[in-house]
Every structure is written in structure tokens, then in C-alpha cells.
């Protein structure tokens, strides 16, 4: 079967996503749905495969599907400044999430340390953390 006449199953396999993912992307407007050409089957082209690969790469670097939709509307020759701005915003978002995860990591490490070095008969701080305030003070 030629690359320009792929079934949805072949497109899914070649792109590494499921058939339902392709249909979901079509419903969201990220990927067009080709009309059947004479038969009952829709045939997809390498253009569809390239678009799916772009979506996957954009998601891999942190873009949401809504953001991917915005990127897909850009012209790669005319919209460099806007694309760069979107990427800079994404970097700032990722850095903020990294800081938040580092804070969570530090808090959990303190809880593990306090649990490990607590006295016998003393409540476990990890379990106490999960209890509602009213129960943890009893």
C-alpha cells in the first residue's frame, strides 16, 4: 500500500498512536478527515502522518492540545516571532512546575526523614499529614 493511500489502521501504526486518538484529533480539528475516494474507506496521506508526528513532538516538549492547535495555525515562514513567544511562555510554565515539584520533593523528604527518625509510639508524620486537621490534633 502506498504511503499516500493509508487506511486509518496503517496511519495509526505508522504514527504510533491509536485509531481512537486519530479520531479524537479529527473531532478536535487537529487533523482533517479525508472523504472516501470511491469506496467505503478513507485514505490518509503522508501529510496526515507528518501532522500526527508534529502533534506528538509538540506534546513531548510540553504543549497541550489547545496550544498545538494554535501552533498548527501558524505559518512557519511568517510567524517565527509568535512561535518563539509561545515557546518562551511554555519554558516559563515548565520552570514554574519544576520549582513546584522541587518544593513537593523537599516536603516529602522532610516527612520521610521525620518518620524514619521519630520515636517509638510517636505518630507517623506521613500518615498524620493525610488526616483532617481535627483528627490529627487528638
Protein backbone atom coordinates (compact mmCIF):
# COMPACT_ATOMS: atom_id res chain seq x y z
CA UNK A 1 0.00 0.00 0.00
CA UNK A 2 1.43 3.39 -0.96
CA UNK A 3 2.10 5.95 1.78
CA UNK A 4 -0.45 8.31 0.17
CA UNK A 5 -3.24 5.76 0.48
CA UNK A 6 -3.05 4.58 4.07
CA UNK A 7 -6.02 3.25 5.97
CA UNK A 8 -6.63 4.67 9.43
CA UNK A 9 -5.15 1.48 10.90
CA UNK A 10 -1.95 1.88 8.90
CA UNK A 11 -1.77 5.58 9.80
CA UNK A 12 -2.19 4.70 13.47
CA UNK A 13 0.53 2.06 13.33
CA UNK A 14 2.97 4.25 11.38
CA UNK A 15 2.42 7.26 13.65
CA UNK A 16 2.49 5.32 16.93
CA UNK A 17 -0.95 6.46 18.09
CA UNK A 18 -4.22 4.59 18.35
CA UNK A 19 -7.08 4.76 15.89
CA UNK A 20 -9.24 6.37 18.58
CA UNK A 21 -6.56 9.04 19.10
CA UNK A 22 -6.70 9.86 15.39
CA UNK A 23 -10.48 10.13 15.55
CA UNK A 24 -10.20 12.32 18.66
CA UNK A 25 -7.76 14.63 16.87
CA UNK A 26 -10.17 14.80 13.94
CA UNK A 27 -13.06 15.78 16.24
CA UNK A 28 -10.85 18.49 17.78
CA UNK A 29 -9.90 19.83 14.37
CA UNK A 30 -6.22 18.95 14.67
CA UNK A 31 -6.36 16.53 11.76
CA UNK A 32 -8.67 16.64 8.77
CA UNK A 33 -10.88 13.70 7.86
CA UNK A 34 -10.43 12.68 4.25
CA UNK A 35 -13.50 11.82 2.22
CA UNK A 36 -13.81 8.26 0.98
CA UNK A 37 -12.43 8.13 -2.55
CA UNK A 38 -14.82 5.89 -4.43
CA UNK A 39 -15.04 3.15 -1.82
CA UNK A 40 -16.11 2.84 1.76
CA UNK A 41 -12.65 3.52 3.14
CA UNK A 42 -10.99 6.81 3.86
CA UNK A 43 -7.40 7.03 2.72
CA UNK A 44 -4.79 9.07 4.52
CA UNK A 45 -1.63 10.57 3.08
CA UNK A 46 1.89 11.26 4.25
CA UNK A 47 0.63 14.77 5.08
CA UNK A 48 -1.61 13.21 7.75
CA UNK A 49 1.31 11.18 9.07
CA UNK A 50 3.55 14.27 9.24
CA UNK A 51 0.86 16.21 11.07
CA UNK A 52 0.44 13.41 13.64
CA UNK A 53 4.21 13.33 14.14
CA UNK A 54 4.20 17.11 14.69
CA UNK A 55 1.41 16.80 17.27
CA UNK A 56 3.33 14.09 19.13
CA UNK A 57 6.59 16.09 19.10
CA UNK A 58 4.82 19.24 20.31
CA UNK A 59 3.18 17.28 23.14
CA UNK A 60 6.53 15.71 24.03
CA UNK A 61 8.01 19.16 24.69
CA UNK A 62 5.07 20.15 26.86
CA UNK A 63 2.47 21.78 24.62
CA UNK A 64 -1.17 20.99 25.35
CA UNK A 65 -3.52 20.03 22.53
CA UNK A 66 -5.04 23.52 22.62
CA UNK A 67 -1.56 25.00 22.26
CA UNK A 68 -0.76 22.52 19.47
CA UNK A 69 -3.88 23.70 17.64
CA UNK A 70 -2.52 27.25 17.85
CA UNK A 71 0.87 26.17 16.57
CA UNK A 72 -0.74 24.35 13.65
CA UNK A 73 -2.40 27.60 12.57
CA UNK A 74 0.95 29.40 12.35
CA UNK A 75 2.86 29.91 9.13
CA UNK A 76 6.41 28.61 9.57
CA UNK A 77 7.80 31.44 7.42
CA UNK A 78 5.77 34.39 8.69
CA UNK A 79 5.06 33.60 12.34
CA UNK A 80 8.51 32.95 13.78
CA UNK A 81 8.19 35.70 16.39
CA UNK A 82 4.85 34.40 17.62
CA UNK A 83 6.10 30.80 17.67
CA UNK A 84 9.16 31.86 19.66
CA UNK A 85 6.96 33.80 22.09
CA UNK A 86 4.74 30.74 22.63
CA UNK A 87 7.81 28.59 23.26
CA UNK A 88 9.21 31.12 25.76
CA UNK A 89 5.87 31.11 27.60
CA UNK A 90 5.97 27.30 27.67
CA UNK A 91 9.51 27.37 29.09
CA UNK A 92 8.38 29.72 31.88
CA UNK A 93 5.45 27.41 32.65
CA UNK A 94 7.71 24.35 32.76
CA UNK A 95 10.21 26.14 35.01
CA UNK A 96 7.38 27.11 37.41
CA UNK A 97 6.20 23.50 37.52
CA UNK A 98 9.77 22.33 38.17
CA UNK A 99 10.04 24.74 41.12
CA UNK A 100 6.72 23.47 42.48
CA UNK A 101 7.83 19.85 42.12
CA UNK A 102 11.12 20.66 43.87
CA UNK A 103 9.13 22.10 46.79
CA UNK A 104 6.99 18.96 46.92
CA UNK A 105 10.12 16.83 46.79
CA UNK A 106 11.68 18.75 49.69
CA UNK A 107 8.50 18.48 51.78
CA UNK A 108 8.25 14.74 51.19
CA UNK A 109 11.93 14.22 52.02
CA UNK A 110 11.37 16.05 55.34
CA UNK A 111 8.36 13.87 56.10
CA UNK A 112 10.30 10.68 55.30
CA UNK A 113 13.20 11.87 57.48
CA UNK A 114 10.84 12.75 60.36
CA UNK A 115 9.13 9.36 60.04
CA UNK A 116 12.43 7.49 59.93
CA UNK A 117 13.85 9.30 62.98
CA UNK A 118 10.68 9.55 65.05
CA UNK A 119 10.40 7.99 68.49
CA UNK A 120 8.52 4.73 69.04
CA UNK A 121 4.94 5.48 69.97
CA UNK A 122 5.07 8.82 68.15
CA UNK A 123 2.60 9.19 65.26
CA UNK A 124 3.97 8.86 61.74
CA UNK A 125 4.14 12.37 60.19
CA UNK A 126 3.35 10.99 56.72
CA UNK A 127 0.08 9.46 57.92
CA UNK A 128 -0.68 12.49 60.12
CA UNK A 129 -0.26 14.75 57.11
CA UNK A 130 -3.13 12.98 55.36
CA UNK A 131 -5.54 13.21 58.29
CA UNK A 132 -8.01 16.08 58.58
CA UNK A 133 -6.86 18.82 60.99
CA UNK A 134 -9.48 17.89 63.61
CA UNK A 135 -8.31 14.25 63.77
CA UNK A 136 -4.58 14.97 63.79
CA UNK A 137 -4.84 17.09 66.98
CA UNK A 138 -6.50 14.38 69.10
